[in-house]
N, C-alpha and C. Protein backbone atom coordinates (compact mmCIF):
# COMPACT_ATOMS: atom_id res chain seq x y z
N MET A 1 112.14 61.54 27.55
CA MET A 1 110.89 62.04 26.99
C MET A 1 110.89 61.79 25.49
N ILE A 2 109.85 61.15 25.01
CA ILE A 2 109.66 60.91 23.58
C ILE A 2 108.67 61.96 23.08
N LYS A 3 109.03 62.65 22.01
CA LYS A 3 108.19 63.72 21.48
C LYS A 3 107.66 63.30 20.11
N VAL A 4 106.31 63.30 20.01
CA VAL A 4 105.63 62.87 18.79
C VAL A 4 104.83 64.03 18.24
N LEU A 5 105.03 64.31 16.95
CA LEU A 5 104.31 65.38 16.27
C LEU A 5 103.46 64.77 15.15
N PHE A 6 102.16 65.03 15.19
CA PHE A 6 101.24 64.61 14.14
C PHE A 6 101.06 65.75 13.17
N VAL A 7 101.09 65.44 11.86
CA VAL A 7 101.04 66.49 10.85
C VAL A 7 100.03 66.17 9.75
N CYS A 8 99.17 67.14 9.47
CA CYS A 8 98.30 67.09 8.29
C CYS A 8 98.47 68.41 7.54
N LEU A 9 97.55 68.75 6.69
CA LEU A 9 97.71 69.96 5.87
C LEU A 9 97.46 71.24 6.68
N GLY A 10 96.25 71.40 7.21
CA GLY A 10 95.89 72.64 7.88
C GLY A 10 95.93 72.60 9.39
N ASN A 11 96.13 71.40 9.96
CA ASN A 11 96.18 71.22 11.41
C ASN A 11 94.88 71.64 12.08
N ILE A 12 93.75 71.28 11.43
CA ILE A 12 92.46 71.54 12.08
C ILE A 12 91.55 70.30 12.12
N CYS A 13 91.89 69.23 11.41
CA CYS A 13 91.05 68.03 11.42
C CYS A 13 91.82 66.80 11.89
N ARG A 14 92.65 66.26 11.01
CA ARG A 14 93.29 64.97 11.28
C ARG A 14 94.36 65.02 12.36
N SER A 15 95.33 65.93 12.23
CA SER A 15 96.41 65.92 13.22
C SER A 15 95.94 66.36 14.61
N PRO A 16 95.00 67.31 14.74
CA PRO A 16 94.51 67.59 16.09
C PRO A 16 93.74 66.40 16.69
N THR A 17 93.01 65.69 15.84
CA THR A 17 92.31 64.50 16.32
C THR A 17 93.32 63.47 16.79
N ALA A 18 94.35 63.24 15.99
CA ALA A 18 95.39 62.29 16.39
C ALA A 18 96.07 62.73 17.68
N CYS A 19 96.34 64.00 17.80
CA CYS A 19 96.99 64.55 18.99
C CYS A 19 96.12 64.33 20.23
N GLY A 20 94.85 64.67 20.15
CA GLY A 20 93.95 64.52 21.29
C GLY A 20 93.72 63.08 21.67
N VAL A 21 93.51 62.23 20.68
CA VAL A 21 93.29 60.81 20.94
C VAL A 21 94.54 60.17 21.53
N PHE A 22 95.69 60.45 20.91
CA PHE A 22 96.92 59.83 21.38
C PHE A 22 97.32 60.35 22.76
N ALA A 23 97.07 61.62 23.02
CA ALA A 23 97.36 62.17 24.35
C ALA A 23 96.58 61.41 25.41
N ARG A 24 95.32 61.11 25.12
CA ARG A 24 94.53 60.35 26.09
C ARG A 24 95.00 58.91 26.19
N GLN A 25 95.37 58.30 25.07
CA GLN A 25 95.88 56.93 25.11
C GLN A 25 97.17 56.86 25.94
N VAL A 26 98.01 57.85 25.77
CA VAL A 26 99.26 57.94 26.54
C VAL A 26 98.93 58.10 28.03
N ALA A 27 98.02 59.01 28.35
CA ALA A 27 97.63 59.24 29.75
C ALA A 27 97.02 57.98 30.37
N ASP A 28 96.14 57.32 29.61
CA ASP A 28 95.50 56.10 30.12
C ASP A 28 96.52 54.99 30.36
N SER A 29 97.64 55.04 29.65
CA SER A 29 98.70 54.05 29.82
C SER A 29 99.68 54.44 30.92
N GLY A 30 99.46 55.60 31.54
CA GLY A 30 100.34 56.06 32.61
C GLY A 30 101.70 56.53 32.12
N LEU A 31 101.75 56.98 30.85
CA LEU A 31 103.04 57.36 30.26
C LEU A 31 103.16 58.85 29.96
N SER A 32 102.29 59.66 30.53
CA SER A 32 102.31 61.10 30.25
C SER A 32 103.64 61.76 30.62
N ASP A 33 104.34 61.18 31.56
CA ASP A 33 105.63 61.74 31.94
C ASP A 33 106.76 61.30 31.00
N GLN A 34 106.44 60.41 30.05
CA GLN A 34 107.45 59.91 29.13
C GLN A 34 107.19 60.23 27.67
N VAL A 35 105.97 60.64 27.35
CA VAL A 35 105.60 60.90 25.95
C VAL A 35 104.93 62.27 25.86
N ARG A 36 105.44 63.14 25.00
CA ARG A 36 104.82 64.44 24.73
C ARG A 36 104.24 64.41 23.33
N VAL A 37 103.04 64.96 23.18
CA VAL A 37 102.30 64.91 21.92
C VAL A 37 101.97 66.32 21.45
N ASP A 38 102.10 66.54 20.14
CA ASP A 38 101.78 67.84 19.55
C ASP A 38 101.25 67.62 18.15
N SER A 39 100.74 68.68 17.53
CA SER A 39 100.28 68.60 16.15
C SER A 39 100.62 69.89 15.42
N ALA A 40 100.73 69.76 14.10
CA ALA A 40 101.05 70.92 13.26
C ALA A 40 100.56 70.62 11.84
N GLY A 41 100.61 71.65 11.01
CA GLY A 41 100.22 71.51 9.61
C GLY A 41 101.36 71.88 8.70
N THR A 42 101.33 71.34 7.49
CA THR A 42 102.35 71.73 6.52
C THR A 42 102.04 73.10 5.94
N SER A 43 100.79 73.54 6.09
CA SER A 43 100.44 74.90 5.66
C SER A 43 100.16 75.74 6.91
N GLY A 44 100.17 77.03 6.74
CA GLY A 44 99.86 77.94 7.84
C GLY A 44 98.51 78.60 7.68
N TRP A 45 97.66 78.02 6.86
CA TRP A 45 96.36 78.63 6.54
C TRP A 45 95.51 78.93 7.77
N HIS A 46 95.60 78.09 8.78
CA HIS A 46 94.70 78.22 9.93
C HIS A 46 95.45 78.56 11.22
N ASN A 47 96.64 79.13 11.12
CA ASN A 47 97.45 79.40 12.31
C ASN A 47 96.62 80.05 13.42
N GLY A 48 96.71 79.46 14.61
CA GLY A 48 96.01 79.98 15.78
C GLY A 48 94.58 79.52 15.93
N ALA A 49 94.03 78.85 14.92
CA ALA A 49 92.63 78.42 14.96
C ALA A 49 92.45 77.17 15.81
N LYS A 50 91.26 77.04 16.36
CA LYS A 50 90.87 75.82 17.06
C LYS A 50 90.62 74.73 16.02
N PRO A 51 90.62 73.47 16.43
CA PRO A 51 90.29 72.41 15.49
C PRO A 51 88.87 72.58 14.93
N ASP A 52 88.64 72.01 13.77
CA ASP A 52 87.34 72.04 13.11
C ASP A 52 86.27 71.58 14.09
N SER A 53 85.16 72.30 14.15
CA SER A 53 84.10 71.99 15.12
C SER A 53 83.56 70.58 14.95
N ARG A 54 83.57 70.05 13.73
CA ARG A 54 83.10 68.67 13.51
C ARG A 54 84.04 67.67 14.17
N SER A 55 85.34 67.93 14.11
CA SER A 55 86.32 67.07 14.79
C SER A 55 86.15 67.16 16.30
N VAL A 56 86.01 68.38 16.80
CA VAL A 56 85.87 68.60 18.24
C VAL A 56 84.62 67.89 18.77
N GLN A 57 83.51 68.06 18.08
CA GLN A 57 82.24 67.49 18.54
C GLN A 57 82.28 65.96 18.53
N LEU A 58 82.77 65.39 17.47
CA LEU A 58 82.85 63.93 17.38
C LEU A 58 83.80 63.38 18.44
N ALA A 59 84.97 63.98 18.56
CA ALA A 59 85.96 63.52 19.55
C ALA A 59 85.38 63.60 20.97
N ALA A 60 84.70 64.70 21.27
CA ALA A 60 84.11 64.88 22.60
C ALA A 60 83.09 63.78 22.90
N GLY A 61 82.36 63.37 21.88
CA GLY A 61 81.39 62.29 22.06
C GLY A 61 82.02 60.97 22.45
N TYR A 62 83.30 60.83 22.19
CA TYR A 62 84.04 59.62 22.57
C TYR A 62 84.99 59.87 23.73
N GLY A 63 84.85 61.05 24.36
CA GLY A 63 85.63 61.35 25.54
C GLY A 63 87.01 61.93 25.29
N TYR A 64 87.25 62.40 24.06
CA TYR A 64 88.55 63.00 23.74
C TYR A 64 88.45 64.52 23.75
N ASP A 65 89.45 65.15 24.33
CA ASP A 65 89.48 66.60 24.44
C ASP A 65 90.44 67.19 23.41
N LEU A 66 89.93 68.04 22.54
CA LEU A 66 90.77 68.73 21.56
C LEU A 66 90.87 70.22 21.86
N SER A 67 90.31 70.65 22.98
CA SER A 67 90.20 72.08 23.28
C SER A 67 91.56 72.76 23.49
N PHE A 68 92.59 72.00 23.85
CA PHE A 68 93.90 72.58 24.13
C PHE A 68 94.72 72.81 22.86
N ILE A 69 94.22 72.37 21.72
CA ILE A 69 94.99 72.41 20.47
C ILE A 69 94.69 73.67 19.68
N ARG A 70 95.72 74.29 19.15
CA ARG A 70 95.60 75.43 18.25
C ARG A 70 96.46 75.14 17.03
N SER A 71 95.95 75.48 15.88
CA SER A 71 96.66 75.20 14.64
C SER A 71 97.97 75.99 14.57
N ARG A 72 98.98 75.33 14.06
CA ARG A 72 100.25 75.98 13.80
C ARG A 72 100.92 75.25 12.65
N GLN A 73 101.85 75.92 12.04
CA GLN A 73 102.59 75.35 10.93
C GLN A 73 103.88 74.69 11.44
N VAL A 74 104.26 73.59 10.81
CA VAL A 74 105.53 72.95 11.12
C VAL A 74 106.64 73.98 10.97
N ASN A 75 107.59 73.96 11.89
CA ASN A 75 108.71 74.90 11.81
C ASN A 75 110.05 74.17 11.95
N GLU A 76 111.13 74.88 11.75
CA GLU A 76 112.47 74.30 11.78
C GLU A 76 112.76 73.59 13.10
N GLN A 77 112.31 74.16 14.22
CA GLN A 77 112.57 73.56 15.53
C GLN A 77 111.94 72.19 15.66
N ASP A 78 110.81 71.97 14.97
CA ASP A 78 110.16 70.67 15.06
C ASP A 78 111.08 69.55 14.60
N PHE A 79 111.83 69.78 13.54
CA PHE A 79 112.72 68.75 13.03
C PHE A 79 113.84 68.43 14.02
N ILE A 80 114.23 69.43 14.79
CA ILE A 80 115.28 69.25 15.78
C ILE A 80 114.73 68.59 17.05
N GLU A 81 113.60 69.08 17.54
CA GLU A 81 113.09 68.69 18.85
C GLU A 81 112.25 67.42 18.87
N GLN A 82 111.51 67.16 17.81
CA GLN A 82 110.61 66.00 17.80
C GLN A 82 111.38 64.72 17.52
N ASP A 83 110.93 63.62 18.13
CA ASP A 83 111.53 62.31 17.88
C ASP A 83 110.86 61.60 16.71
N LEU A 84 109.56 61.76 16.59
CA LEU A 84 108.79 61.20 15.49
C LEU A 84 107.89 62.29 14.92
N ILE A 85 107.93 62.44 13.60
CA ILE A 85 107.07 63.40 12.91
C ILE A 85 106.21 62.58 11.96
N LEU A 86 104.94 62.45 12.31
CA LEU A 86 104.06 61.50 11.65
C LEU A 86 103.02 62.19 10.78
N ALA A 87 103.16 62.00 9.48
CA ALA A 87 102.23 62.60 8.52
C ALA A 87 100.98 61.73 8.40
N MET A 88 99.86 62.39 8.19
CA MET A 88 98.60 61.68 8.04
C MET A 88 98.45 61.05 6.65
N ASP A 89 99.14 61.61 5.66
CA ASP A 89 99.04 61.06 4.31
C ASP A 89 100.34 61.28 3.55
N LYS A 90 100.41 60.65 2.38
CA LYS A 90 101.64 60.68 1.58
C LYS A 90 101.96 62.08 1.06
N GLU A 91 100.93 62.85 0.76
CA GLU A 91 101.16 64.21 0.26
C GLU A 91 101.85 65.07 1.32
N ASN A 92 101.38 64.99 2.54
CA ASN A 92 102.01 65.76 3.61
C ASN A 92 103.37 65.20 3.98
N LEU A 93 103.56 63.90 3.87
CA LEU A 93 104.88 63.33 4.08
C LEU A 93 105.85 63.86 3.04
N SER A 94 105.40 63.96 1.81
CA SER A 94 106.25 64.52 0.75
C SER A 94 106.60 65.98 1.04
N SER A 95 105.61 66.74 1.49
CA SER A 95 105.86 68.15 1.84
C SER A 95 106.88 68.25 2.97
N LEU A 96 106.76 67.38 3.96
CA LEU A 96 107.72 67.39 5.07
C LEU A 96 109.12 67.04 4.58
N ARG A 97 109.22 66.07 3.70
CA ARG A 97 110.53 65.67 3.18
C ARG A 97 111.21 66.81 2.43
N GLN A 98 110.41 67.65 1.79
CA GLN A 98 110.97 68.78 1.03
C GLN A 98 111.58 69.84 1.93
N ILE A 99 111.07 69.98 3.14
CA ILE A 99 111.56 71.04 4.02
C ILE A 99 112.42 70.54 5.18
N CYS A 100 112.50 69.22 5.33
CA CYS A 100 113.25 68.63 6.45
C CYS A 100 114.74 68.60 6.14
N PRO A 101 115.56 69.10 7.06
CA PRO A 101 117.01 68.96 6.89
C PRO A 101 117.36 67.46 6.82
N PRO A 102 118.27 67.09 5.94
CA PRO A 102 118.59 65.67 5.72
C PRO A 102 118.95 64.89 6.99
N GLU A 103 119.58 65.54 7.93
CA GLU A 103 119.99 64.83 9.14
C GLU A 103 118.81 64.43 10.04
N PHE A 104 117.63 64.95 9.75
CA PHE A 104 116.45 64.61 10.55
C PHE A 104 115.42 63.81 9.77
N ALA A 105 115.73 63.45 8.54
CA ALA A 105 114.77 62.74 7.67
C ALA A 105 114.32 61.41 8.28
N HIS A 106 115.15 60.79 9.10
CA HIS A 106 114.79 59.52 9.73
C HIS A 106 113.60 59.64 10.70
N LYS A 107 113.26 60.84 11.07
CA LYS A 107 112.14 61.07 12.00
C LYS A 107 110.79 61.07 11.30
N LEU A 108 110.78 61.17 9.98
CA LEU A 108 109.54 61.30 9.20
C LEU A 108 108.96 59.94 8.86
N ARG A 109 107.67 59.78 9.12
CA ARG A 109 106.96 58.53 8.81
C ARG A 109 105.49 58.86 8.54
N LEU A 110 104.82 57.90 7.92
CA LEU A 110 103.36 57.96 7.86
C LEU A 110 102.83 57.43 9.19
N PHE A 111 101.86 58.08 9.75
CA PHE A 111 101.29 57.67 11.03
C PHE A 111 100.82 56.22 11.01
N LEU A 112 100.10 55.83 9.96
CA LEU A 112 99.54 54.49 9.93
C LEU A 112 100.55 53.40 9.58
N ASP A 113 101.81 53.76 9.37
CA ASP A 113 102.85 52.75 9.17
C ASP A 113 102.97 51.82 10.37
N PHE A 114 102.58 52.29 11.53
CA PHE A 114 102.70 51.50 12.75
C PHE A 114 101.57 50.50 12.92
N ALA A 115 100.48 50.70 12.19
CA ALA A 115 99.29 49.86 12.34
C ALA A 115 99.20 48.83 11.22
N ASP A 116 98.67 47.69 11.53
CA ASP A 116 98.45 46.65 10.54
C ASP A 116 97.03 46.82 9.99
N LEU A 117 96.90 47.79 9.09
CA LEU A 117 95.60 48.13 8.52
C LEU A 117 95.67 48.04 7.00
N PRO A 118 94.52 47.87 6.35
CA PRO A 118 94.52 47.80 4.88
C PRO A 118 94.72 49.17 4.20
N VAL A 119 94.81 50.23 4.98
CA VAL A 119 95.04 51.57 4.44
C VAL A 119 96.31 52.14 5.04
N SER A 120 96.97 53.02 4.30
CA SER A 120 98.22 53.60 4.80
C SER A 120 98.08 55.08 5.14
N GLU A 121 96.93 55.67 4.79
CA GLU A 121 96.73 57.10 5.00
C GLU A 121 95.44 57.38 5.77
N VAL A 122 95.47 58.47 6.52
CA VAL A 122 94.25 58.98 7.16
C VAL A 122 93.69 60.02 6.19
N PRO A 123 92.52 59.76 5.60
CA PRO A 123 91.99 60.67 4.58
C PRO A 123 91.49 61.99 5.18
N ASP A 124 91.60 63.04 4.39
CA ASP A 124 91.15 64.37 4.82
C ASP A 124 89.62 64.43 4.77
N PRO A 125 88.97 64.67 5.92
CA PRO A 125 87.51 64.69 5.95
C PRO A 125 86.91 66.08 5.68
N TYR A 126 87.75 67.09 5.52
CA TYR A 126 87.31 68.48 5.55
C TYR A 126 86.14 68.78 4.62
N PHE A 127 86.17 68.31 3.39
CA PHE A 127 85.13 68.66 2.43
C PHE A 127 84.00 67.64 2.36
N GLY A 128 84.01 66.67 3.26
CA GLY A 128 82.99 65.64 3.25
C GLY A 128 82.02 65.78 4.40
N GLY A 129 81.28 64.73 4.61
CA GLY A 129 80.28 64.72 5.67
C GLY A 129 80.79 64.08 6.95
N SER A 130 79.88 63.83 7.85
CA SER A 130 80.23 63.32 9.18
C SER A 130 80.89 61.94 9.12
N GLU A 131 80.55 61.15 8.09
CA GLU A 131 81.15 59.81 8.00
C GLU A 131 82.67 59.89 7.82
N GLY A 132 83.15 60.93 7.16
CA GLY A 132 84.59 61.11 6.99
C GLY A 132 85.29 61.40 8.31
N PHE A 133 84.66 62.18 9.15
CA PHE A 133 85.23 62.49 10.46
C PHE A 133 85.21 61.25 11.36
N ALA A 134 84.15 60.45 11.24
CA ALA A 134 84.07 59.21 12.01
C ALA A 134 85.16 58.23 11.56
N ARG A 135 85.42 58.17 10.28
CA ARG A 135 86.47 57.30 9.76
C ARG A 135 87.84 57.75 10.28
N VAL A 136 88.07 59.06 10.27
CA VAL A 136 89.32 59.59 10.78
C VAL A 136 89.50 59.19 12.25
N LEU A 137 88.47 59.37 13.05
CA LEU A 137 88.57 59.04 14.47
C LEU A 137 88.87 57.56 14.66
N ASN A 138 88.21 56.71 13.90
CA ASN A 138 88.45 55.28 14.01
C ASN A 138 89.88 54.92 13.63
N LEU A 139 90.36 55.45 12.51
CA LEU A 139 91.74 55.17 12.07
C LEU A 139 92.76 55.70 13.07
N VAL A 140 92.48 56.86 13.62
CA VAL A 140 93.40 57.47 14.59
C VAL A 140 93.44 56.64 15.89
N GLU A 141 92.30 56.16 16.32
CA GLU A 141 92.30 55.31 17.52
C GLU A 141 93.14 54.05 17.28
N LEU A 142 92.92 53.39 16.15
CA LEU A 142 93.67 52.17 15.84
C LEU A 142 95.16 52.47 15.66
N GLY A 143 95.45 53.55 14.94
CA GLY A 143 96.84 53.94 14.75
C GLY A 143 97.52 54.31 16.05
N GLY A 144 96.79 54.97 16.93
CA GLY A 144 97.34 55.35 18.23
C GLY A 144 97.71 54.16 19.09
N VAL A 145 96.87 53.14 19.10
CA VAL A 145 97.17 51.92 19.86
C VAL A 145 98.45 51.29 19.32
N ALA A 146 98.54 51.19 18.00
CA ALA A 146 99.73 50.59 17.38
C ALA A 146 100.98 51.43 17.67
N LEU A 147 100.86 52.74 17.58
CA LEU A 147 101.99 53.62 17.86
C LEU A 147 102.42 53.49 19.31
N LEU A 148 101.48 53.46 20.21
CA LEU A 148 101.82 53.33 21.63
C LEU A 148 102.55 52.01 21.90
N ASN A 149 102.09 50.94 21.27
CA ASN A 149 102.78 49.66 21.42
C ASN A 149 104.21 49.75 20.87
N HIS A 150 104.38 50.42 19.75
CA HIS A 150 105.70 50.62 19.17
C HIS A 150 106.60 51.39 20.15
N LEU A 151 106.08 52.47 20.70
CA LEU A 151 106.88 53.27 21.64
C LEU A 151 107.25 52.47 22.87
N LYS A 152 106.31 51.69 23.39
CA LYS A 152 106.58 50.85 24.56
C LYS A 152 107.67 49.83 24.26
N ASN A 153 107.61 49.24 23.10
CA ASN A 153 108.58 48.19 22.73
C ASN A 153 109.94 48.74 22.34
N ASP A 154 109.96 49.84 21.60
CA ASP A 154 111.22 50.31 21.02
C ASP A 154 111.88 51.49 21.75
N TYR A 155 111.13 52.20 22.55
CA TYR A 155 111.69 53.38 23.21
C TYR A 155 111.62 53.28 24.73
N ILE A 156 110.43 53.05 25.24
CA ILE A 156 110.22 53.17 26.67
C ILE A 156 110.89 52.04 27.44
N GLN A 157 110.76 50.82 26.99
CA GLN A 157 111.37 49.69 27.70
C GLN A 157 112.88 49.72 27.62
N ASN A 158 113.40 50.32 26.54
CA ASN A 158 114.85 50.36 26.35
C ASN A 158 115.52 51.55 27.03
N SER A 159 114.73 52.48 27.60
CA SER A 159 115.36 53.64 28.20
C SER A 159 115.64 53.44 29.65
């Protein structure tokens, strides 16, 4: 079982979107029994909250379900249990590096590192309009395809 954790700041926009989209991509690939997906935030501001309604509505329009996700903060067990901890942006990657035990630092990456895109970060749409949420969904879909290919090539085929 490969465990992937998506991380943004509050765990209500970007990482839940990535979690929901990637969970469906994994299921559509027939790999749900081999890949587990979760999301968390570097802050605990929204602990227990559902994803932002703008994320939920947009994702639902494309057939993605975010209803199972509740915000939570990254915790010590995540560094032990997760195989990949993927930050949506450099600021959250830096925050993760500050709290990650050194022996697990190899698990930390930027999510879009796996994709061949002209951008390296998924921008925070929270204070913007609907176009920001649409951009996040698009980047997450592209990043998810690239990540799934990476997992198939480097983890799943070799196990």
